[in-house]
């Protein structure tokens, strides 16, 4: 039902446009802390919106201390161009190399989903027609994240969680969402490449 509600809001935003010439896609942001279920929800929404493209914040964060730094990158490379009717292009961050890798182009579509922590924060917020915040209890989120990414993620959990708290709290991200989702204690999968941890010693 949650995905259906988001899809309905996206359709409504598209219908309310005064015309289609020169407009970019309807932007849908799915935000929330790690392990909350954002990726799974994004996949369901994309499927219901005729295979809408998804930009994953995991591809934009510049490393393990880069949560806040990814927001202006998102705006500059994805949201602002999309709003001007251009096809966004961004460089994918390679977590194993610790540097940005190849450029990726976002295919044209009536809708574009951005998924990941920080995706609707700060200057990114105003670009979205639909903002979603996904959450779950901290213990459940950690269990899911470790199940998804393996025990190599464990040393980084607190480091990343501190950045989430520092960003979401002052930003009031959850309060600004059009839809708030609290997921239950069910396994959450990830179909994308995810945020792989660096190899030991990296």
N, C-alpha and C. Protein backbone atom coordinates (compact mmCIF):
# COMPACT_ATOMS: atom_id res chain seq x y z
N UNK A 1 0.82 -1.20 0.00
CA UNK A 1 0.00 0.00 0.00
C UNK A 1 0.86 1.26 0.00
N UNK A 2 2.03 1.20 0.67
CA UNK A 2 2.89 2.38 0.73
C UNK A 2 3.37 2.77 -0.65
N UNK A 3 3.86 1.80 -1.42
CA UNK A 3 4.33 2.10 -2.77
C UNK A 3 3.19 2.67 -3.61
N UNK A 4 1.99 2.13 -3.45
CA UNK A 4 0.84 2.61 -4.21
C UNK A 4 0.54 4.07 -3.88
N UNK A 5 0.68 4.44 -2.63
CA UNK A 5 0.43 5.83 -2.24
C UNK A 5 1.46 6.76 -2.88
N UNK A 6 2.71 6.35 -2.88
CA UNK A 6 3.77 7.18 -3.49
C UNK A 6 3.53 7.31 -4.98
N UNK A 7 3.17 6.23 -5.62
CA UNK A 7 2.89 6.24 -7.05
C UNK A 7 1.72 7.18 -7.35
N UNK A 8 0.68 7.13 -6.51
CA UNK A 8 -0.48 8.00 -6.71
C UNK A 8 -0.09 9.47 -6.60
N UNK A 9 0.78 9.81 -5.65
CA UNK A 9 1.25 11.19 -5.50
C UNK A 9 2.07 11.62 -6.71
N UNK A 10 2.89 10.71 -7.23
CA UNK A 10 3.69 11.02 -8.41
C UNK A 10 2.81 11.25 -9.63
N UNK A 11 1.80 10.41 -9.81
CA UNK A 11 0.86 10.59 -10.92
C UNK A 11 0.12 11.92 -10.79
N UNK A 12 -0.29 12.25 -9.58
CA UNK A 12 -1.00 13.51 -9.35
C UNK A 12 -0.12 14.71 -9.69
N UNK A 13 1.16 14.63 -9.29
CA UNK A 13 2.09 15.72 -9.60
C UNK A 13 2.27 15.88 -11.09
N UNK A 14 2.29 14.77 -11.81
CA UNK A 14 2.43 14.83 -13.27
C UNK A 14 1.19 15.44 -13.91
N UNK A 15 0.01 15.08 -13.43
CA UNK A 15 -1.24 15.61 -13.99
C UNK A 15 -1.38 17.11 -13.73
N UNK A 16 -0.83 17.58 -12.62
CA UNK A 16 -1.00 18.97 -12.24
C UNK A 16 -0.05 19.91 -12.96
N UNK A 17 0.87 19.37 -13.74
CA UNK A 17 1.78 20.23 -14.48
C UNK A 17 1.03 21.03 -15.53
N UNK A 18 1.40 22.31 -15.72
CA UNK A 18 0.69 23.15 -16.69
C UNK A 18 0.99 22.81 -18.13
N UNK A 19 1.91 21.92 -18.36
CA UNK A 19 2.30 21.52 -19.72
C UNK A 19 3.51 20.64 -19.62
N UNK A 20 3.91 20.06 -20.72
CA UNK A 20 5.02 19.12 -20.65
C UNK A 20 6.26 19.62 -21.38
N UNK A 21 6.14 20.68 -22.17
CA UNK A 21 7.29 21.15 -22.92
C UNK A 21 8.36 21.73 -22.01
N UNK A 22 9.60 21.25 -22.14
CA UNK A 22 10.72 21.79 -21.40
C UNK A 22 10.84 21.31 -19.98
N UNK A 23 9.88 20.55 -19.51
CA UNK A 23 9.92 20.07 -18.13
C UNK A 23 10.76 18.80 -18.03
N UNK A 24 11.41 18.67 -16.90
CA UNK A 24 12.12 17.44 -16.61
C UNK A 24 11.18 16.44 -15.96
N UNK A 25 11.72 15.36 -15.43
CA UNK A 25 10.90 14.33 -14.81
C UNK A 25 10.31 14.78 -13.47
N UNK A 26 9.25 14.11 -13.06
CA UNK A 26 8.75 14.26 -11.70
C UNK A 26 9.76 13.57 -10.79
N UNK A 27 10.27 14.30 -9.80
CA UNK A 27 11.32 13.77 -8.93
C UNK A 27 10.72 13.22 -7.64
N UNK A 28 11.13 12.02 -7.29
CA UNK A 28 10.67 11.34 -6.08
C UNK A 28 11.90 11.01 -5.24
N UNK A 29 11.96 11.51 -4.03
CA UNK A 29 13.09 11.24 -3.15
C UNK A 29 12.71 10.29 -2.03
N UNK A 30 13.50 9.23 -1.87
CA UNK A 30 13.24 8.24 -0.82
C UNK A 30 14.43 8.25 0.13
N UNK A 31 14.23 8.86 1.28
CA UNK A 31 15.30 9.16 2.24
C UNK A 31 15.13 8.31 3.50
N UNK A 32 16.12 8.37 4.38
CA UNK A 32 16.06 7.65 5.63
C UNK A 32 17.39 7.03 5.97
N UNK A 33 17.55 6.55 7.20
CA UNK A 33 18.83 5.99 7.63
C UNK A 33 19.11 4.62 7.03
N UNK A 34 20.35 4.19 7.17
CA UNK A 34 20.78 2.92 6.61
C UNK A 34 19.99 1.75 7.19
N UNK A 35 19.63 0.81 6.33
CA UNK A 35 18.93 -0.40 6.76
C UNK A 35 17.45 -0.23 6.98
N UNK A 36 16.89 0.91 6.61
CA UNK A 36 15.47 1.15 6.89
C UNK A 36 14.53 0.54 5.86
N UNK A 37 15.04 0.25 4.66
CA UNK A 37 14.20 -0.34 3.62
C UNK A 37 14.00 0.54 2.41
N UNK A 38 14.84 1.56 2.26
CA UNK A 38 14.70 2.52 1.16
C UNK A 38 14.85 1.86 -0.21
N UNK A 39 15.86 1.02 -0.36
CA UNK A 39 16.14 0.41 -1.66
C UNK A 39 15.00 -0.48 -2.12
N UNK A 40 14.48 -1.28 -1.21
CA UNK A 40 13.37 -2.16 -1.55
C UNK A 40 12.15 -1.35 -1.97
N UNK A 41 11.85 -0.30 -1.22
CA UNK A 41 10.70 0.54 -1.56
C UNK A 41 10.93 1.24 -2.90
N UNK A 42 12.13 1.74 -3.13
CA UNK A 42 12.43 2.41 -4.40
C UNK A 42 12.23 1.47 -5.58
N UNK A 43 12.65 0.23 -5.44
CA UNK A 43 12.48 -0.75 -6.51
C UNK A 43 11.00 -0.97 -6.82
N UNK A 44 10.18 -1.04 -5.77
CA UNK A 44 8.74 -1.26 -5.97
C UNK A 44 8.09 -0.06 -6.65
N UNK A 45 8.48 1.13 -6.23
CA UNK A 45 7.91 2.33 -6.84
C UNK A 45 8.33 2.44 -8.29
N UNK A 46 9.61 2.16 -8.57
CA UNK A 46 10.10 2.22 -9.95
C UNK A 46 9.35 1.26 -10.85
N UNK A 47 9.11 0.05 -10.36
CA UNK A 47 8.39 -0.94 -11.17
C UNK A 47 6.97 -0.48 -11.46
N UNK A 48 6.35 0.18 -10.49
CA UNK A 48 4.97 0.65 -10.68
C UNK A 48 4.89 1.89 -11.55
N UNK A 49 6.02 2.55 -11.76
CA UNK A 49 6.07 3.75 -12.61
C UNK A 49 6.75 3.44 -13.94
N UNK A 50 6.39 2.30 -14.50
CA UNK A 50 6.89 1.92 -15.83
C UNK A 50 8.41 1.88 -15.88
N UNK A 51 9.03 1.24 -14.90
CA UNK A 51 10.48 1.07 -14.85
C UNK A 51 11.21 2.41 -14.83
N UNK A 52 10.78 3.29 -13.95
CA UNK A 52 11.43 4.59 -13.80
C UNK A 52 12.88 4.40 -13.33
N UNK A 53 13.80 5.24 -13.80
CA UNK A 53 15.20 5.11 -13.37
C UNK A 53 15.37 5.49 -11.90
N UNK A 54 16.37 4.90 -11.27
CA UNK A 54 16.71 5.17 -9.87
C UNK A 54 18.16 5.63 -9.80
N UNK A 55 18.39 6.75 -9.15
CA UNK A 55 19.75 7.17 -8.80
C UNK A 55 19.97 6.80 -7.35
N UNK A 56 21.03 6.05 -7.08
CA UNK A 56 21.34 5.60 -5.72
C UNK A 56 22.37 6.54 -5.10
N UNK A 57 22.09 7.05 -3.92
CA UNK A 57 23.04 7.91 -3.23
C UNK A 57 24.35 7.19 -2.95
N UNK A 58 24.31 5.87 -2.84
CA UNK A 58 25.54 5.09 -2.64
C UNK A 58 26.57 5.38 -3.72
N UNK A 59 26.10 5.77 -4.90
CA UNK A 59 27.02 6.07 -6.00
C UNK A 59 27.58 7.49 -5.92
N UNK A 60 27.06 8.31 -5.01
CA UNK A 60 27.46 9.71 -4.92
C UNK A 60 28.27 10.05 -3.68
N UNK A 61 28.08 9.31 -2.58
CA UNK A 61 28.83 9.63 -1.36
C UNK A 61 30.33 9.54 -1.64
N UNK A 62 31.11 10.56 -1.27
CA UNK A 62 32.56 10.49 -1.45
C UNK A 62 33.24 9.82 -0.25
N UNK A 63 32.90 8.57 0.00
CA UNK A 63 33.54 7.81 1.08
C UNK A 63 32.72 7.79 2.35
N UNK A 64 33.30 7.17 3.38
CA UNK A 64 32.58 6.90 4.62
C UNK A 64 32.30 8.14 5.46
N UNK A 65 32.93 9.25 5.15
CA UNK A 65 32.65 10.49 5.87
C UNK A 65 31.94 11.49 4.96
N UNK A 66 31.34 11.01 3.90
CA UNK A 66 30.82 11.90 2.87
C UNK A 66 29.32 12.03 2.77
N UNK A 67 28.58 11.72 3.84
CA UNK A 67 27.12 11.80 3.74
C UNK A 67 26.65 13.22 3.40
N UNK A 68 27.02 14.20 4.21
CA UNK A 68 26.58 15.57 3.96
C UNK A 68 27.16 16.12 2.66
N UNK A 69 28.38 15.74 2.35
CA UNK A 69 29.04 16.25 1.13
C UNK A 69 28.35 15.78 -0.13
N UNK A 70 27.60 14.69 -0.07
CA UNK A 70 26.94 14.16 -1.26
C UNK A 70 25.72 14.97 -1.66
N UNK A 71 25.15 15.75 -0.73
CA UNK A 71 23.93 16.50 -1.04
C UNK A 71 24.17 17.55 -2.12
N UNK A 72 25.18 18.41 -2.00
CA UNK A 72 25.41 19.37 -3.11
C UNK A 72 25.82 18.70 -4.41
N UNK A 73 26.48 17.55 -4.33
CA UNK A 73 26.81 16.80 -5.55
C UNK A 73 25.53 16.34 -6.23
N UNK A 74 24.60 15.83 -5.44
CA UNK A 74 23.31 15.38 -5.97
C UNK A 74 22.58 16.54 -6.66
N UNK A 75 22.54 17.69 -6.00
CA UNK A 75 21.84 18.84 -6.57
C UNK A 75 22.49 19.26 -7.89
N UNK A 76 23.82 19.37 -7.88
CA UNK A 76 24.53 19.88 -9.05
C UNK A 76 24.47 18.92 -10.22
N UNK A 77 24.63 17.64 -9.96
CA UNK A 77 24.77 16.66 -11.04
C UNK A 77 23.46 16.02 -11.47
N UNK A 78 22.48 15.95 -10.57
CA UNK A 78 21.25 15.21 -10.88
C UNK A 78 20.01 16.09 -10.83
N UNK A 79 19.74 16.70 -9.69
CA UNK A 79 18.46 17.38 -9.51
C UNK A 79 18.32 18.65 -10.34
N UNK A 80 19.34 19.50 -10.31
CA UNK A 80 19.26 20.75 -11.08
C UNK A 80 19.17 20.49 -12.59
N UNK A 81 20.02 19.64 -13.16
CA UNK A 81 19.86 19.34 -14.59
C UNK A 81 18.51 18.74 -14.93
N UNK A 82 18.03 17.81 -14.10
CA UNK A 82 16.72 17.21 -14.36
C UNK A 82 15.63 18.26 -14.35
N UNK A 83 15.70 19.22 -13.43
CA UNK A 83 14.70 20.26 -13.34
C UNK A 83 14.69 21.18 -14.55
N UNK A 84 15.84 21.25 -15.23
CA UNK A 84 15.92 22.08 -16.45
C UNK A 84 15.62 21.28 -17.71
N UNK A 85 15.21 20.02 -17.53
CA UNK A 85 14.87 19.19 -18.68
C UNK A 85 16.06 18.54 -19.34
N UNK A 86 17.22 18.57 -18.69
CA UNK A 86 18.41 17.92 -19.23
C UNK A 86 18.57 16.52 -18.64
N UNK A 87 19.32 15.70 -19.33
CA UNK A 87 19.59 14.35 -18.82
C UNK A 87 20.75 14.43 -17.83
N UNK A 88 20.53 14.07 -16.56
CA UNK A 88 21.60 14.15 -15.57
C UNK A 88 22.74 13.18 -15.87
N UNK A 89 23.95 13.58 -15.52
CA UNK A 89 25.14 12.72 -15.60
C UNK A 89 25.93 12.88 -14.30
N UNK A 90 26.42 11.78 -13.79
CA UNK A 90 27.20 11.84 -12.55
C UNK A 90 28.28 10.77 -12.57
N UNK A 91 29.30 10.96 -11.76
CA UNK A 91 30.35 9.96 -11.65
C UNK A 91 30.06 9.04 -10.48
N UNK A 92 30.18 7.76 -10.73
CA UNK A 92 29.96 6.76 -9.68
C UNK A 92 31.18 6.67 -8.77
N UNK A 93 30.94 6.70 -7.46
CA UNK A 93 32.03 6.53 -6.51
C UNK A 93 32.34 5.05 -6.34
N UNK A 94 33.60 4.70 -6.50
CA UNK A 94 34.06 3.32 -6.35
C UNK A 94 34.58 3.16 -4.92
N UNK A 95 33.83 2.40 -4.12
CA UNK A 95 34.17 2.26 -2.70
C UNK A 95 35.43 1.44 -2.47
N UNK A 96 35.76 0.57 -3.39
CA UNK A 96 36.98 -0.23 -3.24
C UNK A 96 38.22 0.59 -3.57
N UNK A 97 38.13 1.42 -4.60
CA UNK A 97 39.26 2.26 -4.99
C UNK A 97 39.37 3.51 -4.14
N UNK A 98 38.24 3.95 -3.55
CA UNK A 98 38.25 5.18 -2.78
C UNK A 98 38.31 6.41 -3.66
N UNK A 99 37.69 6.34 -4.84
CA UNK A 99 37.72 7.48 -5.77
C UNK A 99 36.54 7.35 -6.74
N UNK A 100 36.24 8.44 -7.42
CA UNK A 100 35.17 8.40 -8.41
C UNK A 100 35.64 7.66 -9.66
N UNK A 101 34.71 6.96 -10.28
CA UNK A 101 35.02 6.12 -11.44
C UNK A 101 34.31 6.66 -12.67
N UNK A 102 33.57 5.79 -13.37
CA UNK A 102 33.00 6.16 -14.66
C UNK A 102 31.81 7.12 -14.52
N UNK A 103 31.53 7.82 -15.60
CA UNK A 103 30.35 8.67 -15.67
C UNK A 103 29.13 7.82 -16.02
N UNK A 104 28.01 8.17 -15.46
CA UNK A 104 26.75 7.50 -15.77
C UNK A 104 25.71 8.52 -16.19
N UNK A 105 24.96 8.19 -17.22
CA UNK A 105 23.88 9.05 -17.69
C UNK A 105 22.55 8.46 -17.24
N UNK A 106 21.64 9.32 -16.82
CA UNK A 106 20.31 8.88 -16.40
C UNK A 106 19.38 8.95 -17.60
N UNK A 107 18.76 7.82 -17.92
CA UNK A 107 17.90 7.79 -19.10
C UNK A 107 16.64 8.62 -18.87
N UNK A 108 16.11 9.12 -19.97
CA UNK A 108 14.92 9.96 -19.91
C UNK A 108 13.67 9.14 -19.54
N UNK A 109 12.84 9.75 -18.74
CA UNK A 109 11.60 9.11 -18.29
C UNK A 109 10.73 10.20 -17.68
N UNK A 110 9.44 9.93 -17.57
CA UNK A 110 8.55 10.91 -16.93
C UNK A 110 8.83 11.06 -15.44
N UNK A 111 9.43 10.03 -14.85
CA UNK A 111 9.71 10.03 -13.41
C UNK A 111 11.17 9.67 -13.16
N UNK A 112 11.71 10.21 -12.07
CA UNK A 112 13.06 9.87 -11.64
C UNK A 112 13.04 9.72 -10.12
N UNK A 113 13.56 8.59 -9.65
CA UNK A 113 13.61 8.30 -8.21
C UNK A 113 15.05 8.45 -7.74
N UNK A 114 15.22 9.16 -6.62
CA UNK A 114 16.53 9.23 -5.96
C UNK A 114 16.38 8.55 -4.61
N UNK A 115 17.22 7.57 -4.35
CA UNK A 115 17.10 6.76 -3.13
C UNK A 115 18.39 6.83 -2.33
N UNK A 116 18.27 7.08 -1.03
CA UNK A 116 19.44 7.03 -0.17
C UNK A 116 19.41 8.10 0.90
N UNK A 117 20.18 7.88 1.96
CA UNK A 117 20.26 8.84 3.06
C UNK A 117 20.76 10.17 2.55
N UNK A 118 20.04 11.23 2.90
CA UNK A 118 20.42 12.58 2.49
C UNK A 118 19.80 13.03 1.19
N UNK A 119 19.06 12.17 0.53
CA UNK A 119 18.56 12.50 -0.82
C UNK A 119 17.57 13.66 -0.84
N UNK A 120 16.87 13.91 0.28
CA UNK A 120 15.89 15.01 0.30
C UNK A 120 16.29 16.12 1.27
N UNK A 121 17.54 16.14 1.69
CA UNK A 121 17.99 17.09 2.70
C UNK A 121 18.44 18.42 2.10
N UNK A 122 18.40 19.46 2.93
CA UNK A 122 18.98 20.75 2.59
C UNK A 122 18.52 21.29 1.25
N UNK A 123 19.47 21.70 0.40
CA UNK A 123 19.10 22.31 -0.89
C UNK A 123 18.44 21.34 -1.86
N UNK A 124 18.50 20.03 -1.57
CA UNK A 124 17.86 19.05 -2.45
C UNK A 124 16.34 19.05 -2.29
N UNK A 125 15.86 19.46 -1.13
CA UNK A 125 14.45 19.27 -0.78
C UNK A 125 13.49 19.89 -1.79
N UNK A 126 13.77 21.12 -2.20
CA UNK A 126 12.81 21.86 -3.02
C UNK A 126 12.62 21.27 -4.42
N UNK A 127 13.51 20.39 -4.83
CA UNK A 127 13.45 19.84 -6.19
C UNK A 127 12.40 18.73 -6.33
N UNK A 128 11.94 18.16 -5.22
CA UNK A 128 11.10 16.97 -5.28
C UNK A 128 9.61 17.28 -5.29
N UNK A 129 8.88 16.56 -6.11
CA UNK A 129 7.42 16.60 -6.07
C UNK A 129 6.90 15.69 -4.96
N UNK A 130 7.65 14.61 -4.68
CA UNK A 130 7.25 13.65 -3.64
C UNK A 130 8.49 13.32 -2.79
N UNK A 131 8.35 13.54 -1.48
CA UNK A 131 9.44 13.22 -0.54
C UNK A 131 8.97 12.14 0.42
N UNK A 132 9.80 11.11 0.57
CA UNK A 132 9.46 9.97 1.41
C UNK A 132 10.57 9.78 2.44
N UNK A 133 10.20 9.49 3.67
CA UNK A 133 11.19 9.16 4.71
C UNK A 133 10.87 7.78 5.24
N UNK A 134 11.86 6.88 5.17
CA UNK A 134 11.70 5.49 5.59
C UNK A 134 12.54 5.27 6.84
N UNK A 135 11.97 4.63 7.85
CA UNK A 135 12.69 4.41 9.11
C UNK A 135 12.34 3.05 9.68
N UNK A 136 13.10 2.64 10.67
CA UNK A 136 12.88 1.39 11.42
C UNK A 136 13.68 1.51 12.70
N UNK A 137 13.39 0.69 13.71
CA UNK A 137 14.17 0.73 14.94
C UNK A 137 15.66 0.50 14.66
N UNK A 138 16.51 1.16 15.43
CA UNK A 138 17.96 1.12 15.16
C UNK A 138 18.52 -0.30 15.16
N UNK A 139 18.09 -1.12 16.11
CA UNK A 139 18.60 -2.49 16.16
C UNK A 139 18.21 -3.29 14.93
N UNK A 140 16.99 -3.09 14.47
CA UNK A 140 16.53 -3.79 13.27
C UNK A 140 17.28 -3.29 12.04
N UNK A 141 17.50 -2.01 11.96
CA UNK A 141 18.24 -1.47 10.82
C UNK A 141 19.66 -2.01 10.76
N UNK A 142 20.31 -2.09 11.92
CA UNK A 142 21.67 -2.61 11.96
C UNK A 142 21.69 -4.08 11.53
N UNK A 143 20.71 -4.86 12.01
CA UNK A 143 20.64 -6.26 11.63
C UNK A 143 20.53 -6.40 10.12
N UNK A 144 19.65 -5.60 9.53
CA UNK A 144 19.46 -5.66 8.08
C UNK A 144 20.73 -5.27 7.33
N UNK A 145 21.36 -4.18 7.80
CA UNK A 145 22.56 -3.70 7.11
C UNK A 145 23.67 -4.73 7.15
N UNK A 146 23.84 -5.39 8.28
CA UNK A 146 24.88 -6.41 8.38
C UNK A 146 24.52 -7.64 7.56
N UNK A 147 23.23 -7.96 7.51
CA UNK A 147 22.79 -9.08 6.68
C UNK A 147 23.03 -8.79 5.21
N UNK A 148 22.83 -7.53 4.83
CA UNK A 148 22.97 -7.12 3.44
C UNK A 148 24.43 -7.00 3.02
N UNK A 149 25.23 -6.31 3.83
CA UNK A 149 26.60 -5.97 3.44
C UNK A 149 27.66 -6.82 4.11
N UNK A 150 27.28 -7.64 5.09
CA UNK A 150 28.25 -8.49 5.76
C UNK A 150 28.90 -7.81 6.95
N UNK A 151 29.64 -8.60 7.72
CA UNK A 151 30.24 -8.08 8.94
C UNK A 151 31.29 -7.01 8.70
N UNK A 152 31.77 -6.89 7.46
CA UNK A 152 32.74 -5.84 7.18
C UNK A 152 32.15 -4.45 7.39
N UNK A 153 30.80 -4.36 7.35
CA UNK A 153 30.14 -3.07 7.57
C UNK A 153 30.13 -2.70 9.05
N UNK A 154 30.29 -3.67 9.94
CA UNK A 154 30.13 -3.42 11.37
C UNK A 154 31.00 -2.28 11.91
N UNK A 155 32.29 -2.21 11.56
CA UNK A 155 33.12 -1.11 12.10
C UNK A 155 32.68 0.27 11.63
N UNK A 156 31.91 0.33 10.53
CA UNK A 156 31.51 1.61 9.97
C UNK A 156 30.12 2.05 10.42
N UNK A 157 29.41 1.16 11.10
CA UNK A 157 28.02 1.45 11.43
C UNK A 157 27.87 2.72 12.27
N UNK A 158 28.59 2.80 13.40
CA UNK A 158 28.47 3.96 14.27
C UNK A 158 28.96 5.22 13.58
N UNK A 159 30.00 5.09 12.82
CA UNK A 159 30.56 6.23 12.09
C UNK A 159 29.53 6.84 11.14
N UNK A 160 28.82 5.96 10.43
CA UNK A 160 27.80 6.42 9.49
C UNK A 160 26.56 6.93 10.23
N UNK A 161 26.17 6.24 11.30
CA UNK A 161 24.98 6.63 12.05
C UNK A 161 25.14 8.02 12.66
N UNK A 162 26.35 8.37 13.12
CA UNK A 162 26.57 9.71 13.66
C UNK A 162 26.34 10.79 12.60
N UNK A 163 26.74 10.50 11.38
CA UNK A 163 26.51 11.46 10.30
C UNK A 163 25.03 11.59 9.98
N UNK A 164 24.32 10.47 10.02
CA UNK A 164 22.87 10.52 9.79
C UNK A 164 22.18 11.37 10.84
N UNK A 165 22.54 11.17 12.11
CA UNK A 165 21.94 11.95 13.19
C UNK A 165 22.24 13.44 13.02
N UNK A 166 23.48 13.75 12.66
CA UNK A 166 23.88 15.15 12.50
C UNK A 166 23.17 15.82 11.34
N UNK A 167 22.83 15.04 10.32
CA UNK A 167 22.15 15.60 9.14
C UNK A 167 20.65 15.66 9.33
N UNK A 168 20.03 14.55 9.72
CA UNK A 168 18.58 14.48 9.79
C UNK A 168 17.97 15.36 10.88
N UNK A 169 18.67 15.47 12.02
CA UNK A 169 18.11 16.22 13.14
C UNK A 169 17.90 17.70 12.83
N UNK A 170 18.97 18.44 12.59
CA UNK A 170 18.81 19.87 12.26
C UNK A 170 18.01 20.11 10.99
N UNK A 171 18.09 19.21 10.05
CA UNK A 171 17.39 19.38 8.77
C UNK A 171 15.90 19.11 8.89
N UNK A 172 15.49 18.39 9.92
CA UNK A 172 14.09 17.98 10.12
C UNK A 172 13.57 17.24 8.88
N UNK A 173 14.38 16.33 8.41
CA UNK A 173 14.09 15.62 7.17
C UNK A 173 12.78 14.84 7.24
N UNK A 174 12.62 14.12 8.33
CA UNK A 174 11.40 13.31 8.47
C UNK A 174 10.15 14.18 8.48
N UNK A 175 10.22 15.29 9.17
CA UNK A 175 9.06 16.18 9.28
C UNK A 175 8.67 16.78 7.93
N UNK A 176 9.65 16.95 7.04
CA UNK A 176 9.39 17.56 5.73
C UNK A 176 8.89 16.57 4.69
N UNK A 177 8.81 15.29 5.04
CA UNK A 177 8.39 14.27 4.08
C UNK A 177 6.88 14.32 3.83
N UNK A 178 6.49 14.02 2.61
CA UNK A 178 5.07 13.88 2.29
C UNK A 178 4.53 12.54 2.78
N UNK A 179 5.41 11.52 2.78
CA UNK A 179 5.03 10.18 3.22
C UNK A 179 6.11 9.68 4.17
N UNK A 180 5.69 9.17 5.33
CA UNK A 180 6.62 8.58 6.29
C UNK A 180 6.30 7.09 6.42
N UNK A 181 7.32 6.27 6.32
CA UNK A 181 7.14 4.82 6.35
C UNK A 181 7.99 4.26 7.48
N UNK A 182 7.40 3.46 8.35
CA UNK A 182 8.15 2.74 9.38
C UNK A 182 8.01 1.27 9.05
N UNK A 183 9.13 0.64 8.71
CA UNK A 183 9.10 -0.75 8.28
C UNK A 183 9.22 -1.69 9.48
N UNK A 184 8.71 -2.91 9.30
CA UNK A 184 8.71 -3.89 10.37
C UNK A 184 9.93 -4.77 10.34
N UNK A 185 9.90 -5.81 11.16
CA UNK A 185 11.04 -6.71 11.29
C UNK A 185 10.98 -7.81 10.24
N UNK A 186 11.18 -7.39 8.99
CA UNK A 186 11.23 -8.35 7.89
C UNK A 186 12.53 -8.12 7.14
N UNK A 187 13.08 -9.16 6.52
CA UNK A 187 14.33 -8.98 5.78
C UNK A 187 14.16 -7.96 4.66
N UNK A 188 15.15 -7.13 4.50
CA UNK A 188 15.14 -6.13 3.45
C UNK A 188 16.27 -6.43 2.49
N UNK A 189 15.94 -6.64 1.21
CA UNK A 189 16.95 -6.94 0.21
C UNK A 189 17.41 -5.70 -0.49
N UNK A 190 18.44 -5.86 -1.31
CA UNK A 190 18.94 -4.76 -2.10
C UNK A 190 19.30 -5.32 -3.46
N UNK A 191 18.74 -4.72 -4.49
CA UNK A 191 19.02 -5.21 -5.83
C UNK A 191 20.16 -4.47 -6.50
N UNK A 192 20.49 -3.28 -5.97
CA UNK A 192 21.58 -2.53 -6.56
C UNK A 192 22.92 -3.04 -6.06
N UNK A 193 24.00 -2.33 -6.45
CA UNK A 193 25.34 -2.75 -6.05
C UNK A 193 25.58 -2.48 -4.58
N UNK A 194 24.83 -1.54 -4.00
CA UNK A 194 24.95 -1.28 -2.59
C UNK A 194 26.19 -0.45 -2.28
N UNK A 195 26.53 -0.38 -0.99
CA UNK A 195 27.68 0.36 -0.54
C UNK A 195 28.68 -0.63 0.00
N UNK A 196 29.47 -1.27 -0.84
CA UNK A 196 30.40 -2.28 -0.37
C UNK A 196 31.47 -1.67 0.51
N UNK A 197 31.88 -2.39 1.55
CA UNK A 197 32.93 -1.88 2.41
C UNK A 197 34.28 -2.03 1.72
N UNK A 198 35.25 -1.15 2.03
CA UNK A 198 36.57 -1.30 1.46
C UNK A 198 37.19 -2.62 1.93
N UNK A 199 38.06 -3.21 1.15
CA UNK A 199 38.74 -4.42 1.59
C UNK A 199 39.58 -4.14 2.82
N UNK A 200 39.87 -5.16 3.65
CA UNK A 200 40.67 -4.93 4.86
C UNK A 200 41.98 -4.21 4.54
N UNK A 201 42.24 -3.16 5.32
CA UNK A 201 43.47 -2.41 5.11
C UNK A 201 43.32 -1.28 4.13
N UNK A 202 42.16 -1.16 3.46
CA UNK A 202 41.98 -0.08 2.49
C UNK A 202 41.67 1.23 3.19
